Amino acid sequence: MFGLFKSNPADKLRKKMKQVQEKSMQAQRRGDIRSHSMLSAEADELWKEIQRLEGTDKK
């Protein structure tokens, strides 16, 4: 009941990751491979952070 209004940090990261992936896709379509690579790496780091928060990372 009391956790109803608490924000989940993993959900915020998922939203940000989705935005970064979208920007990465647009950069790739424009032919800007350097930006695409940088944004893809950022999305990967966000994914690792999400996994760490959720405790689902497998090493």
C-alpha atoms as a PDB file:
ATOM      1  CA  MET A   1       0.000   0.000   0.000  1.00  0.00           C
ATOM      2  CA  PHE A   2       2.696   2.484   1.008  1.00  0.00           C
ATOM      3  CA  GLY A   3       4.966   1.472  -1.859  1.00  0.00           C
ATOM      4  CA  LEU A   4       2.292   2.429  -4.356  1.00  0.00           C
ATOM      5  CA  PHE A   5       3.626   5.918  -4.988  1.00  0.00           C
ATOM      6  CA  LYS A   6       7.345   5.130  -4.787  1.00  0.00           C
ATOM      7  CA  SER A   7       9.187   5.425  -8.056  1.00  0.00           C
ATOM      8  CA  ASN A   8      11.211   2.498  -9.256  1.00  0.00           C
ATOM      9  CA  PRO A   9      14.721   3.564 -10.331  1.00  0.00           C
ATOM     10  CA  ALA A  10      14.906   0.659 -12.799  1.00  0.00           C
ATOM     11  CA  ASP A  11      11.780   1.948 -14.562  1.00  0.00           C
ATOM     12  CA  LYS A  12      13.371   5.373 -14.965  1.00  0.00           C
ATOM     13  CA  LEU A  13      16.502   3.773 -16.403  1.00  0.00           C
ATOM     14  CA  ARG A  14      14.417   1.666 -18.802  1.00  0.00           C
ATOM     15  CA  LYS A  15      12.708   4.805 -20.070  1.00  0.00           C
ATOM     16  CA  LYS A  16      16.046   6.555 -20.542  1.00  0.00           C
ATOM     17  CA  MET A  17      17.512   3.473 -22.247  1.00  0.00           C
ATOM     18  CA  LYS A  18      14.601   3.398 -24.689  1.00  0.00           C
ATOM     19  CA  GLN A  19      15.197   7.068 -25.551  1.00  0.00           C
ATOM     20  CA  VAL A  20      18.928   6.473 -26.067  1.00  0.00           C
ATOM     21  CA  GLN A  21      18.220   3.454 -28.279  1.00  0.00           C
ATOM     22  CA  GLU A  22      15.841   5.551 -30.372  1.00  0.00           C
ATOM     23  CA  LYS A  23      18.490   8.258 -30.811  1.00  0.00           C
ATOM     24  CA  SER A  24      21.015   5.569 -31.717  1.00  0.00           C
ATOM     25  CA  MET A  25      18.728   4.157 -34.387  1.00  0.00           C
ATOM     26  CA  GLN A  26      18.139   7.612 -35.856  1.00  0.00           C
ATOM     27  CA  ALA A  27      21.897   8.287 -35.945  1.00  0.00           C
ATOM     28  CA  GLN A  28      22.454   5.001 -37.756  1.00  0.00           C
ATOM     29  CA  ARG A  29      19.798   5.865 -40.320  1.00  0.00           C
ATOM     30  CA  ARG A  30      21.481   9.222 -40.931  1.00  0.00           C
ATOM     31  CA  GLY A  31      24.778   7.430 -41.495  1.00  0.00           C
ATOM     32  CA  ASP A  32      26.388   8.881 -38.362  1.00  0.00           C
ATOM     33  CA  ILE A  33      28.085   5.684 -37.259  1.00  0.00           C
ATOM     34  CA  ARG A  34      30.248   7.352 -34.605  1.00  0.00           C
ATOM     35  CA  SER A  35      27.207   8.749 -32.764  1.00  0.00           C
ATOM     36  CA  HIS A  36      25.414   5.446 -33.206  1.00  0.00           C
ATOM     37  CA  SER A  37      28.321   3.601 -31.565  1.00  0.00           C
ATOM     38  CA  MET A  38      28.531   6.032 -28.657  1.00  0.00           C
ATOM     39  CA  LEU A  39      24.785   5.899 -28.037  1.00  0.00           C
ATOM     40  CA  SER A  40      24.764   2.103 -28.280  1.00  0.00           C
ATOM     41  CA  ALA A  41      27.507   1.917 -25.672  1.00  0.00           C
ATOM     42  CA  GLU A  42      25.511   4.244 -23.409  1.00  0.00           C
ATOM     43  CA  ALA A  43      22.429   2.036 -23.810  1.00  0.00           C
ATOM     44  CA  ASP A  44      24.520  -1.028 -22.909  1.00  0.00           C
ATOM     45  CA  GLU A  45      25.729   0.660 -19.724  1.00  0.00           C
ATOM     46  CA  LEU A  46      22.154   1.570 -18.810  1.00  0.00           C
ATOM     47  CA  TRP A  47      21.114  -2.054 -19.367  1.00  0.00           C
ATOM     48  CA  LYS A  48      23.897  -3.273 -17.076  1.00  0.00           C
ATOM     49  CA  GLU A  49      22.765  -0.821 -14.397  1.00  0.00           C
ATOM     50  CA  ILE A  50      19.149  -2.020 -14.745  1.00  0.00           C
ATOM     51  CA  GLN A  51      20.273  -5.622 -14.344  1.00  0.00           C
ATOM     52  CA  ARG A  52      22.339  -4.697 -11.283  1.00  0.00           C
ATOM     53  CA  LEU A  53      19.356  -2.915  -9.681  1.00  0.00           C
ATOM     54  CA  GLU A  54      17.049  -5.818 -10.360  1.00  0.00           C
ATOM     55  CA  GLY A  55      19.604  -8.385  -9.269  1.00  0.00           C
ATOM     56  CA  THR A  56      19.386 -10.357 -12.492  1.00  0.00           C
ATOM     57  CA  ASP A  57      22.939  -9.920 -13.758  1.00  0.00           C
ATOM     58  CA  LYS A  58      24.695 -13.175 -14.552  1.00  0.00           C
ATOM     59  CA  LYS A  59      28.458 -13.300 -14.396  1.00  0.00           C
END
